């Protein structure tokens, strides 16, 4: 496993039975994106216009700060389960154990939790779909390997 987790920080949150985990750089990119959105919207005399323009910038103009990869997990019995989530809650538990064993740290932080609104994801939410390659590049292990190494 070529990726070193020693000293790295990851952040997690949960909403409506969907959990997320991101690395610190991704979390910070999301904070910057949110700050830009607040600047675009804040103080404008026409609030609905500002929200519309802020949303356009948020969804299109700031794609390079989209806060991905955001790895999402939910209970396999949940109606929120679909091919758009990274995996099950059991996979997340295995991943947490792996991160901690490899010297990484995990903290709770407020953040957007994709796919937690109880509806099928829309086009904007689908930008949060992650791949096995992104998982491997972020954590240095595949989902299959982490599940085998830390069975739940």
Protein backbone atom coordinates (compact mmCIF):
# COMPACT_ATOMS: atom_id res chain seq x y z
CA UNK A 1 0.00 0.00 0.00
CA UNK A 2 1.91 3.05 -1.27
CA UNK A 3 -0.10 5.84 0.45
CA UNK A 4 1.09 6.86 3.91
CA UNK A 5 -1.69 7.71 6.36
CA UNK A 6 0.63 8.51 9.28
CA UNK A 7 -0.17 12.05 10.44
CA UNK A 8 -2.98 12.57 7.92
CA UNK A 9 -6.34 13.85 9.07
CA UNK A 10 -9.75 12.81 7.79
CA UNK A 11 -13.12 14.30 8.64
CA UNK A 12 -16.47 12.60 8.90
CA UNK A 13 -20.11 13.42 9.47
CA UNK A 14 -23.50 11.70 9.29
CA UNK A 15 -26.96 12.81 8.19
CA UNK A 16 -30.09 10.68 7.74
CA UNK A 17 -28.09 7.44 8.06
CA UNK A 18 -25.58 8.47 5.37
CA UNK A 19 -21.98 8.94 6.56
CA UNK A 20 -19.19 10.72 4.74
CA UNK A 21 -15.44 10.78 5.10
CA UNK A 22 -13.05 13.16 3.36
CA UNK A 23 -9.39 13.98 3.67
CA UNK A 24 -8.30 17.32 5.10
CA UNK A 25 -7.50 18.89 1.72
CA UNK A 26 -10.95 18.03 0.36
CA UNK A 27 -12.56 19.41 3.51
CA UNK A 28 -10.62 22.68 3.18
CA UNK A 29 -11.58 22.98 -0.51
CA UNK A 30 -15.23 22.67 0.54
CA UNK A 31 -14.78 25.43 3.13
CA UNK A 32 -13.31 27.73 0.49
CA UNK A 33 -16.16 26.99 -1.90
CA UNK A 34 -18.72 27.76 0.81
CA UNK A 35 -16.97 31.02 1.70
CA UNK A 36 -17.06 32.12 -1.95
CA UNK A 37 -20.77 31.30 -2.13
CA UNK A 38 -21.46 33.38 1.00
CA UNK A 39 -19.53 36.31 -0.50
CA UNK A 40 -21.53 36.10 -3.73
CA UNK A 41 -24.87 35.96 -1.93
CA UNK A 42 -24.23 38.09 1.15
CA UNK A 43 -25.17 41.75 1.14
CA UNK A 44 -26.82 41.79 -2.29
CA UNK A 45 -30.02 43.92 -2.25
CA UNK A 46 -31.95 41.36 -4.33
CA UNK A 47 -31.70 38.19 -2.25
CA UNK A 48 -33.36 35.83 -4.76
CA UNK A 49 -31.14 37.13 -7.59
CA UNK A 50 -28.06 36.73 -5.40
CA UNK A 51 -29.04 33.17 -4.45
CA UNK A 52 -29.62 32.30 -8.10
CA UNK A 53 -26.29 33.75 -9.20
CA UNK A 54 -24.52 32.22 -6.21
CA UNK A 55 -26.00 28.82 -7.02
CA UNK A 56 -24.92 29.07 -10.66
CA UNK A 57 -21.36 29.91 -9.56
CA UNK A 58 -21.48 27.27 -6.86
CA UNK A 59 -22.56 24.50 -9.24
CA UNK A 60 -20.77 25.49 -12.43
CA UNK A 61 -18.07 28.08 -11.93
CA UNK A 62 -16.52 26.40 -8.92
CA UNK A 63 -16.48 22.79 -10.11
CA UNK A 64 -12.73 22.66 -9.56
CA UNK A 65 -13.49 23.26 -5.85
CA UNK A 66 -16.30 20.76 -5.74
CA UNK A 67 -15.10 19.07 -2.58
CA UNK A 68 -14.50 15.65 -4.07
CA UNK A 69 -13.77 12.93 -3.43
CA UNK A 70 -16.43 12.66 -0.74
CA UNK A 71 -16.81 9.01 0.19
CA UNK A 72 -20.35 8.11 1.24
CA UNK A 73 -21.57 5.10 3.21
CA UNK A 74 -24.96 3.89 4.36
CA UNK A 75 -26.55 0.82 5.83
CA UNK A 76 -27.22 -1.67 3.05
CA UNK A 77 -30.84 -1.97 4.21
CA UNK A 78 -31.42 1.76 3.76
CA UNK A 79 -33.55 3.11 0.93
CA UNK A 80 -30.66 5.52 0.32
CA UNK A 81 -28.42 2.68 -0.85
CA UNK A 82 -27.56 2.78 -4.52
CA UNK A 83 -24.62 2.61 -6.88
CA UNK A 84 -23.91 6.27 -6.10
CA UNK A 85 -22.64 5.55 -2.54
CA UNK A 86 -19.12 4.30 -1.87
CA UNK A 87 -20.23 1.41 0.27
CA UNK A 88 -21.90 0.09 3.38
CA UNK A 89 -21.61 1.27 6.97
CA UNK A 90 -19.57 -1.88 7.62
CA UNK A 91 -17.04 -0.77 4.99
CA UNK A 92 -16.76 2.61 6.72
CA UNK A 93 -16.14 0.89 10.05
CA UNK A 94 -13.37 -1.17 8.44
CA UNK A 95 -11.92 1.98 6.88
CA UNK A 96 -11.88 3.81 10.23
CA UNK A 97 -9.97 0.93 11.81
CA UNK A 98 -7.49 0.92 8.92
CA UNK A 99 -6.91 4.70 9.08
CA UNK A 100 -6.29 4.60 12.82
CA UNK A 101 -4.01 1.54 12.59
CA UNK A 102 -1.99 3.30 9.88
CA UNK A 103 -1.50 6.39 12.08
CA UNK A 104 -4.18 8.63 10.61
CA UNK A 105 -6.66 10.67 12.62
CA UNK A 106 -10.42 11.01 12.18
CA UNK A 107 -12.48 13.92 13.46
CA UNK A 108 -16.10 15.01 13.22
CA UNK A 109 -16.79 18.21 11.27
CA UNK A 110 -19.94 19.83 9.95
CA UNK A 111 -20.14 19.33 6.20
CA UNK A 112 -22.52 18.57 3.37
CA UNK A 113 -23.52 14.90 3.26
CA UNK A 114 -24.39 13.89 -0.32
CA UNK A 115 -27.27 11.49 -0.97
CA UNK A 116 -28.78 12.03 2.49
CA UNK A 117 -31.95 13.87 1.47
CA UNK A 118 -33.94 10.66 0.96
CA UNK A 119 -34.49 11.21 -2.77
CA UNK A 120 -32.81 9.87 -5.86
CA UNK A 121 -29.71 11.98 -6.55
CA UNK A 122 -30.03 14.80 -9.06
CA UNK A 123 -27.40 15.80 -11.62
CA UNK A 124 -25.64 18.12 -9.16
CA UNK A 125 -25.44 15.44 -6.45
CA UNK A 126 -23.99 12.91 -8.86
CA UNK A 127 -20.71 14.86 -8.94
CA UNK A 128 -20.11 13.29 -5.52
CA UNK A 129 -20.05 9.73 -6.89
CA UNK A 130 -16.61 8.28 -6.22
CA UNK A 131 -14.65 5.54 -7.92
CA UNK A 132 -12.54 2.68 -6.66
CA UNK A 133 -9.51 4.51 -8.10
CA UNK A 134 -10.27 7.59 -5.96
CA UNK A 135 -10.62 5.35 -2.90
CA UNK A 136 -7.25 3.72 -3.61
CA UNK A 137 -5.57 7.09 -4.29
CA UNK A 138 -6.94 8.58 -1.07
CA UNK A 139 -6.48 5.68 1.34
CA UNK A 140 -3.84 3.50 -0.32
CA UNK A 141 -6.03 0.41 -0.22
CA UNK A 142 -9.04 -0.87 -2.18
CA UNK A 143 -12.49 -1.37 -0.70
CA UNK A 144 -12.05 -5.13 -1.10
CA UNK A 145 -8.67 -5.11 0.64
CA UNK A 146 -9.83 -3.01 3.60
CA UNK A 147 -12.92 -5.21 4.05
CA UNK A 148 -10.78 -8.36 4.01
CA UNK A 149 -8.20 -6.91 6.38
CA UNK A 150 -10.81 -5.57 8.85
CA UNK A 151 -13.93 -7.72 8.54
CA UNK A 152 -17.06 -6.49 10.34
